[in-house]
Amino acid sequence: MIKQQQRYCNHIRIPLVVVGVLCLIVAFTLRSMVRHGTLGCWPCADTVLTNSVDPGKACNALLVERDCGATTDFVRSIYITEGLAEGSYKQDNPIIITEGQGINSISWRDSSTLEVNYSKAQTKFFLKPKAWQQISIVYISNK
């Protein structure tokens, strides 16, 4: 009787260990996917659409579009980085965030004024400051 119980326990124990190990593998894989932003079938991709260097060549304004697939709208953000490196924007927070593809262009009027041209019908602003640090931001709406 005891040997039968031991065999029965071994038959249950082995599948339980296998299932436990598989659960741990899935959990660590999902955690890694969440951390790296690749959880969906189509991971989000950032594309720098345009950049504009201020006349003093101290700052670089970047218009970045984020595409997370067919079920979500595009998000366009504007970053201002010190220096001219485009890749460094990922370390900063965006100063302007919009939904849609309505921001058409960005340019500098002078070293302290950034001009943002956008389509009012295609743009929903989530973050729309009038200034950032020492830089004034002017919005020009194309109807």
N, C-alpha and C. Protein backbone atom coordinates (compact mmCIF):
# COMPACT_ATOMS: atom_id res chain seq x y z
N MET A 1 0.82 -1.19 0.00
CA MET A 1 0.00 0.00 0.00
C MET A 1 0.87 1.26 0.00
N ILE A 2 1.93 1.25 0.79
CA ILE A 2 2.81 2.41 0.87
C ILE A 2 3.53 2.62 -0.45
N LYS A 3 3.95 1.54 -1.11
CA LYS A 3 4.64 1.66 -2.40
C LYS A 3 3.69 2.22 -3.45
N GLN A 4 2.41 1.86 -3.40
CA GLN A 4 1.45 2.41 -4.35
C GLN A 4 1.29 3.92 -4.13
N GLN A 5 1.25 4.36 -2.88
CA GLN A 5 1.12 5.78 -2.59
C GLN A 5 2.37 6.54 -3.06
N GLN A 6 3.54 5.93 -2.90
CA GLN A 6 4.76 6.59 -3.35
C GLN A 6 4.77 6.73 -4.86
N ARG A 7 4.34 5.68 -5.58
CA ARG A 7 4.27 5.76 -7.04
C ARG A 7 3.28 6.82 -7.47
N TYR A 8 2.15 6.87 -6.78
CA TYR A 8 1.12 7.87 -7.10
C TYR A 8 1.67 9.28 -6.87
N CYS A 9 2.39 9.48 -5.77
CA CYS A 9 2.98 10.78 -5.46
C CYS A 9 4.02 11.17 -6.51
N ASN A 10 4.83 10.21 -6.95
CA ASN A 10 5.82 10.48 -7.99
C ASN A 10 5.15 10.86 -9.30
N HIS A 11 4.04 10.24 -9.63
CA HIS A 11 3.32 10.56 -10.87
C HIS A 11 2.72 11.96 -10.83
N ILE A 12 2.40 12.43 -9.66
CA ILE A 12 1.84 13.77 -9.52
C ILE A 12 2.97 14.81 -9.38
N ARG A 13 4.00 14.46 -8.65
CA ARG A 13 5.08 15.39 -8.35
C ARG A 13 5.81 15.85 -9.61
N ILE A 14 6.14 14.96 -10.51
CA ILE A 14 6.90 15.30 -11.71
C ILE A 14 6.12 16.30 -12.59
N PRO A 15 4.84 16.06 -12.92
CA PRO A 15 4.12 17.07 -13.71
C PRO A 15 3.99 18.42 -13.00
N LEU A 16 3.84 18.38 -11.67
CA LEU A 16 3.75 19.64 -10.93
C LEU A 16 5.05 20.44 -11.02
N VAL A 17 6.18 19.78 -10.95
CA VAL A 17 7.47 20.45 -11.07
C VAL A 17 7.61 21.03 -12.48
N VAL A 18 7.24 20.27 -13.49
CA VAL A 18 7.33 20.74 -14.88
C VAL A 18 6.44 21.97 -15.08
N VAL A 19 5.21 21.92 -14.60
CA VAL A 19 4.29 23.05 -14.72
C VAL A 19 4.84 24.26 -13.95
N GLY A 20 5.40 24.06 -12.80
CA GLY A 20 5.97 25.16 -12.03
C GLY A 20 7.12 25.83 -12.76
N VAL A 21 8.00 25.04 -13.34
CA VAL A 21 9.13 25.59 -14.09
C VAL A 21 8.63 26.37 -15.31
N LEU A 22 7.65 25.83 -16.02
CA LEU A 22 7.08 26.54 -17.18
C LEU A 22 6.44 27.86 -16.76
N CYS A 23 5.75 27.88 -15.63
CA CYS A 23 5.15 29.12 -15.14
C CYS A 23 6.21 30.16 -14.84
N LEU A 24 7.32 29.75 -14.24
CA LEU A 24 8.40 30.68 -13.96
C LEU A 24 9.00 31.24 -15.25
N ILE A 25 9.18 30.40 -16.25
CA ILE A 25 9.72 30.86 -17.53
C ILE A 25 8.79 31.88 -18.17
N VAL A 26 7.50 31.61 -18.18
CA VAL A 26 6.52 32.53 -18.74
C VAL A 26 6.51 33.85 -17.97
N ALA A 27 6.55 33.78 -16.65
CA ALA A 27 6.53 34.99 -15.83
C ALA A 27 7.75 35.87 -16.11
N PHE A 28 8.94 35.29 -16.18
CA PHE A 28 10.14 36.08 -16.45
C PHE A 28 10.14 36.63 -17.87
N THR A 29 9.62 35.88 -18.83
CA THR A 29 9.53 36.37 -20.21
C THR A 29 8.57 37.54 -20.30
N LEU A 30 7.40 37.44 -19.67
CA LEU A 30 6.44 38.55 -19.68
C LEU A 30 7.01 39.78 -19.00
N ARG A 31 7.70 39.60 -17.90
CA ARG A 31 8.30 40.74 -17.20
C ARG A 31 9.32 41.43 -18.10
N SER A 32 10.11 40.67 -18.80
CA SER A 32 11.10 41.24 -19.71
C SER A 32 10.42 41.98 -20.86
N MET A 33 9.33 41.43 -21.38
CA MET A 33 8.61 42.07 -22.48
C MET A 33 7.98 43.38 -22.03
N VAL A 34 7.45 43.41 -20.83
CA VAL A 34 6.85 44.65 -20.31
C VAL A 34 7.93 45.71 -20.13
N ARG A 35 9.06 45.33 -19.57
CA ARG A 35 10.15 46.29 -19.35
C ARG A 35 10.68 46.87 -20.65
N HIS A 36 10.71 46.08 -21.72
CA HIS A 36 11.27 46.54 -22.98
C HIS A 36 10.21 47.03 -23.95
N GLY A 37 8.95 47.05 -23.56
CA GLY A 37 7.89 47.60 -24.41
C GLY A 37 7.54 46.74 -25.60
N THR A 38 7.78 45.44 -25.52
CA THR A 38 7.49 44.56 -26.65
C THR A 38 6.41 43.56 -26.32
N LEU A 39 5.47 43.94 -25.47
CA LEU A 39 4.45 43.00 -25.04
C LEU A 39 3.45 42.71 -26.15
N GLY A 40 3.11 43.70 -26.95
CA GLY A 40 2.12 43.51 -28.00
C GLY A 40 2.71 42.79 -29.19
N CYS A 41 1.85 42.48 -30.15
CA CYS A 41 2.32 41.85 -31.38
C CYS A 41 3.19 42.80 -32.17
N TRP A 42 2.84 44.09 -32.15
CA TRP A 42 3.61 45.11 -32.83
C TRP A 42 4.14 46.07 -31.77
N PRO A 43 5.39 45.96 -31.44
CA PRO A 43 5.92 46.88 -30.44
C PRO A 43 5.89 48.31 -30.96
N CYS A 44 5.80 49.25 -30.04
CA CYS A 44 5.79 50.66 -30.42
C CYS A 44 7.12 51.03 -31.04
N ALA A 45 7.04 51.91 -32.05
CA ALA A 45 8.26 52.37 -32.71
C ALA A 45 8.25 53.89 -32.77
N ASP A 46 9.36 54.50 -32.42
CA ASP A 46 9.53 55.94 -32.52
C ASP A 46 10.26 56.28 -33.81
N THR A 47 9.79 57.33 -34.48
CA THR A 47 10.43 57.82 -35.69
C THR A 47 10.63 59.32 -35.54
N VAL A 48 11.86 59.78 -35.71
CA VAL A 48 12.13 61.21 -35.70
C VAL A 48 11.71 61.74 -37.07
N LEU A 49 10.64 62.56 -37.10
CA LEU A 49 10.12 63.08 -38.37
C LEU A 49 10.94 64.25 -38.87
N THR A 50 11.30 65.13 -37.97
CA THR A 50 12.11 66.28 -38.34
C THR A 50 12.80 66.83 -37.10
N ASN A 51 13.83 67.61 -37.34
CA ASN A 51 14.47 68.30 -36.24
C ASN A 51 14.80 69.71 -36.69
N SER A 52 14.97 70.58 -35.73
CA SER A 52 15.31 71.97 -36.01
C SER A 52 16.29 72.45 -34.95
N VAL A 53 17.44 72.91 -35.42
CA VAL A 53 18.49 73.39 -34.53
C VAL A 53 18.30 74.89 -34.35
N ASP A 54 18.38 75.35 -33.11
CA ASP A 54 18.20 76.79 -32.85
C ASP A 54 19.37 77.57 -33.46
N PRO A 55 19.16 78.86 -33.77
CA PRO A 55 20.22 79.64 -34.42
C PRO A 55 21.54 79.69 -33.65
N GLY A 56 21.48 79.61 -32.34
CA GLY A 56 22.71 79.61 -31.54
C GLY A 56 23.37 78.25 -31.45
N LYS A 57 22.75 77.24 -32.04
CA LYS A 57 23.24 75.85 -32.05
C LYS A 57 23.45 75.27 -30.65
N ALA A 58 22.61 75.73 -29.71
CA ALA A 58 22.69 75.21 -28.35
C ALA A 58 21.65 74.13 -28.11
N CYS A 59 20.50 74.20 -28.81
CA CYS A 59 19.40 73.26 -28.61
C CYS A 59 18.95 72.66 -29.93
N ASN A 60 18.36 71.50 -29.83
CA ASN A 60 17.80 70.81 -30.98
C ASN A 60 16.37 70.43 -30.64
N ALA A 61 15.41 70.88 -31.45
CA ALA A 61 14.01 70.49 -31.25
C ALA A 61 13.71 69.32 -32.19
N LEU A 62 13.11 68.27 -31.65
CA LEU A 62 12.82 67.08 -32.44
C LEU A 62 11.32 66.80 -32.42
N LEU A 63 10.76 66.52 -33.59
CA LEU A 63 9.37 66.07 -33.72
C LEU A 63 9.42 64.56 -33.89
N VAL A 64 8.89 63.84 -32.90
CA VAL A 64 8.97 62.38 -32.88
C VAL A 64 7.56 61.80 -32.94
N GLU A 65 7.39 60.81 -33.81
CA GLU A 65 6.09 60.13 -33.92
C GLU A 65 6.20 58.72 -33.37
N ARG A 66 5.26 58.36 -32.51
CA ARG A 66 5.21 57.02 -31.93
C ARG A 66 4.04 56.27 -32.56
N ASP A 67 4.34 55.09 -33.09
CA ASP A 67 3.34 54.24 -33.72
C ASP A 67 3.29 52.92 -32.96
N CYS A 68 2.12 52.63 -32.37
CA CYS A 68 1.98 51.40 -31.59
C CYS A 68 1.03 50.40 -32.26
N GLY A 69 0.80 50.55 -33.55
CA GLY A 69 -0.02 49.58 -34.26
C GLY A 69 -1.36 50.13 -34.68
N ALA A 70 -2.11 49.29 -35.38
CA ALA A 70 -3.35 49.71 -36.03
C ALA A 70 -4.48 50.06 -35.06
N THR A 71 -4.43 49.57 -33.85
CA THR A 71 -5.55 49.81 -32.93
C THR A 71 -5.40 51.07 -32.10
N THR A 72 -4.29 51.79 -32.27
CA THR A 72 -4.08 53.03 -31.52
C THR A 72 -3.72 54.15 -32.48
N ASP A 73 -4.00 55.37 -32.07
CA ASP A 73 -3.66 56.53 -32.88
C ASP A 73 -2.18 56.85 -32.71
N PHE A 74 -1.65 57.60 -33.66
CA PHE A 74 -0.28 58.06 -33.56
C PHE A 74 -0.17 59.08 -32.43
N VAL A 75 1.00 59.16 -31.83
CA VAL A 75 1.30 60.18 -30.84
C VAL A 75 2.51 60.93 -31.35
N ARG A 76 2.37 62.25 -31.45
CA ARG A 76 3.51 63.08 -31.84
C ARG A 76 3.95 63.89 -30.63
N SER A 77 5.25 63.90 -30.41
CA SER A 77 5.83 64.60 -29.27
C SER A 77 6.97 65.47 -29.76
N ILE A 78 7.20 66.55 -29.02
CA ILE A 78 8.33 67.42 -29.31
C ILE A 78 9.26 67.39 -28.11
N TYR A 79 10.53 67.17 -28.41
CA TYR A 79 11.58 67.14 -27.40
C TYR A 79 12.55 68.27 -27.70
N ILE A 80 13.11 68.83 -26.68
CA ILE A 80 14.21 69.78 -26.85
C ILE A 80 15.41 69.20 -26.11
N THR A 81 16.49 69.03 -26.86
CA THR A 81 17.70 68.47 -26.27
C THR A 81 18.81 69.50 -26.33
N GLU A 82 19.72 69.40 -25.40
CA GLU A 82 20.91 70.25 -25.46
C GLU A 82 21.87 69.63 -26.44
N GLY A 83 22.47 70.44 -27.27
CA GLY A 83 23.38 69.92 -28.28
C GLY A 83 22.61 69.44 -29.49
N LEU A 84 23.30 68.77 -30.39
CA LEU A 84 22.71 68.42 -31.67
C LEU A 84 22.39 66.94 -31.84
N ALA A 85 22.69 66.11 -30.86
CA ALA A 85 22.49 64.67 -31.00
C ALA A 85 21.00 64.31 -30.97
N GLU A 86 20.52 63.65 -32.03
CA GLU A 86 19.11 63.25 -32.10
C GLU A 86 18.79 62.11 -31.15
N GLY A 87 19.71 61.19 -30.98
CA GLY A 87 19.45 60.00 -30.17
C GLY A 87 19.29 60.27 -28.68
N SER A 88 19.72 61.44 -28.23
CA SER A 88 19.67 61.73 -26.80
C SER A 88 18.28 62.11 -26.32
N TYR A 89 17.31 62.27 -27.21
CA TYR A 89 15.96 62.67 -26.79
C TYR A 89 15.30 61.63 -25.89
N LYS A 90 15.68 60.38 -26.01
CA LYS A 90 15.05 59.32 -25.22
C LYS A 90 15.35 59.46 -23.73
N GLN A 91 16.36 60.24 -23.38
CA GLN A 91 16.70 60.46 -21.98
C GLN A 91 15.85 61.58 -21.38
N ASP A 92 15.21 62.38 -22.22
CA ASP A 92 14.44 63.53 -21.77
C ASP A 92 12.94 63.24 -21.82
N ASN A 93 12.18 64.10 -21.15
CA ASN A 93 10.73 64.04 -21.24
C ASN A 93 10.27 64.95 -22.36
N PRO A 94 9.20 64.58 -23.06
CA PRO A 94 8.72 65.46 -24.12
C PRO A 94 8.14 66.74 -23.52
N ILE A 95 8.29 67.84 -24.26
CA ILE A 95 7.72 69.09 -23.76
C ILE A 95 6.31 69.30 -24.30
N ILE A 96 6.00 68.67 -25.44
CA ILE A 96 4.66 68.76 -26.04
C ILE A 96 4.25 67.34 -26.43
N ILE A 97 2.99 66.98 -26.11
CA ILE A 97 2.47 65.66 -26.48
C ILE A 97 1.12 65.85 -27.14
N THR A 98 0.95 65.22 -28.32
CA THR A 98 -0.33 65.29 -29.03
C THR A 98 -0.75 63.91 -29.51
N GLU A 99 -2.04 63.78 -29.74
CA GLU A 99 -2.58 62.58 -30.37
C GLU A 99 -2.93 62.95 -31.80
N GLY A 100 -2.61 62.08 -32.73
CA GLY A 100 -2.88 62.35 -34.13
C GLY A 100 -1.63 62.79 -34.86
N GLN A 101 -1.80 63.07 -36.14
CA GLN A 101 -0.66 63.45 -36.97
C GLN A 101 -0.76 64.91 -37.38
N GLY A 102 -1.25 65.75 -36.48
CA GLY A 102 -1.54 67.13 -36.81
C GLY A 102 -0.39 68.11 -36.75
N ILE A 103 0.68 67.80 -36.00
CA ILE A 103 1.80 68.74 -36.00
C ILE A 103 2.52 68.60 -37.33
N ASN A 104 2.57 69.72 -38.06
CA ASN A 104 3.14 69.70 -39.41
C ASN A 104 4.62 70.04 -39.43
N SER A 105 5.02 71.02 -38.61
CA SER A 105 6.42 71.41 -38.63
C SER A 105 6.79 72.14 -37.34
N ILE A 106 8.09 72.18 -37.09
CA ILE A 106 8.64 72.94 -35.98
C ILE A 106 9.81 73.75 -36.52
N SER A 107 9.98 74.95 -36.01
CA SER A 107 11.10 75.79 -36.43
C SER A 107 11.39 76.82 -35.34
N TRP A 108 12.55 77.39 -35.40
CA TRP A 108 12.97 78.40 -34.43
C TRP A 108 12.81 79.78 -35.04
N ARG A 109 12.14 80.68 -34.35
CA ARG A 109 12.10 82.09 -34.77
C ARG A 109 13.42 82.77 -34.42
N ASP A 110 13.90 82.45 -33.23
CA ASP A 110 15.20 82.91 -32.75
C ASP A 110 15.65 81.91 -31.70
N SER A 111 16.73 82.18 -31.02
CA SER A 111 17.30 81.21 -30.07
C SER A 111 16.43 80.94 -28.86
N SER A 112 15.40 81.77 -28.64
CA SER A 112 14.57 81.57 -27.46
C SER A 112 13.08 81.39 -27.78
N THR A 113 12.74 81.19 -29.07
CA THR A 113 11.34 81.02 -29.45
C THR A 113 11.18 79.87 -30.45
N LEU A 114 10.42 78.84 -30.04
CA LEU A 114 10.13 77.70 -30.90
C LEU A 114 8.72 77.86 -31.46
N GLU A 115 8.58 77.65 -32.75
CA GLU A 115 7.30 77.77 -33.44
C GLU A 115 6.80 76.37 -33.82
N VAL A 116 5.54 76.08 -33.45
CA VAL A 116 4.93 74.78 -33.74
C VAL A 116 3.73 75.02 -34.65
N ASN A 117 3.79 74.48 -35.87
CA ASN A 117 2.67 74.57 -36.82
C ASN A 117 1.87 73.28 -36.76
N TYR A 118 0.54 73.42 -36.59
CA TYR A 118 -0.28 72.23 -36.46
C TYR A 118 -1.64 72.43 -37.12
N SER A 119 -2.29 71.33 -37.41
CA SER A 119 -3.64 71.33 -37.96
C SER A 119 -4.61 71.17 -36.79
N LYS A 120 -5.47 72.16 -36.61
CA LYS A 120 -6.38 72.15 -35.46
C LYS A 120 -7.32 70.94 -35.49
N ALA A 121 -7.77 70.55 -36.67
CA ALA A 121 -8.72 69.44 -36.79
C ALA A 121 -8.08 68.08 -36.50
N GLN A 122 -6.78 67.96 -36.69
CA GLN A 122 -6.12 66.66 -36.55
C GLN A 122 -5.28 66.52 -35.29
N THR A 123 -5.35 67.51 -34.41
CA THR A 123 -4.46 67.48 -33.25
C THR A 123 -5.23 67.60 -31.95
N LYS A 124 -4.95 66.68 -31.05
CA LYS A 124 -5.48 66.77 -29.68
C LYS A 124 -4.27 66.88 -28.76
N PHE A 125 -4.15 68.03 -28.11
CA PHE A 125 -3.00 68.27 -27.23
C PHE A 125 -3.24 67.66 -25.86
N PHE A 126 -2.23 66.96 -25.35
CA PHE A 126 -2.24 66.47 -23.97
C PHE A 126 -1.33 67.33 -23.10
N LEU A 127 -0.29 67.85 -23.70
CA LEU A 127 0.66 68.70 -23.01
C LEU A 127 0.99 69.83 -23.96
N LYS A 128 0.60 71.08 -23.59
CA LYS A 128 0.75 72.23 -24.49
C LYS A 128 1.23 73.45 -23.70
N PRO A 129 2.49 73.46 -23.30
CA PRO A 129 3.01 74.60 -22.53
C PRO A 129 3.28 75.81 -23.42
N LYS A 130 3.26 76.97 -22.83
CA LYS A 130 3.59 78.20 -23.56
C LYS A 130 5.08 78.52 -23.45
N ALA A 131 5.75 77.84 -22.54
CA ALA A 131 7.19 78.03 -22.37
C ALA A 131 7.80 76.78 -21.77
N TRP A 132 9.09 76.63 -22.00
CA TRP A 132 9.85 75.53 -21.41
C TRP A 132 11.23 76.09 -21.09
N GLN A 133 11.59 76.06 -19.84
CA GLN A 133 12.82 76.68 -19.34
C GLN A 133 12.87 78.13 -19.85
N GLN A 134 13.88 78.52 -20.62
CA GLN A 134 13.96 79.90 -21.12
C GLN A 134 13.39 80.03 -22.53
N ILE A 135 12.73 79.02 -23.03
CA ILE A 135 12.25 79.02 -24.42
C ILE A 135 10.74 79.26 -24.46
N SER A 136 10.33 80.26 -25.24
CA SER A 136 8.90 80.50 -25.47
C SER A 136 8.43 79.60 -26.61
N ILE A 137 7.19 79.14 -26.49
CA ILE A 137 6.64 78.26 -27.52
C ILE A 137 5.41 78.95 -28.12
N VAL A 138 5.42 79.11 -29.45
CA VAL A 138 4.33 79.76 -30.16
C VAL A 138 3.65 78.70 -31.02
N TYR A 139 2.32 78.62 -30.90
CA TYR A 139 1.55 77.64 -31.67
C TYR A 139 0.83 78.36 -32.80
N ILE A 140 0.97 77.85 -34.02
CA ILE A 140 0.30 78.43 -35.18
C ILE A 140 -0.62 77.36 -35.74
N SER A 141 -1.91 77.65 -35.74
CA SER A 141 -2.92 76.70 -36.17
C SER A 141 -3.26 76.90 -37.64
N ASN A 142 -3.18 75.81 -38.40
CA ASN A 142 -3.65 75.80 -39.79
C ASN A 142 -5.01 75.15 -39.80
N LYS A 143 -6.03 75.87 -40.17
CA LYS A 143 -7.40 75.35 -40.09
C LYS A 143 -7.72 74.40 -41.14
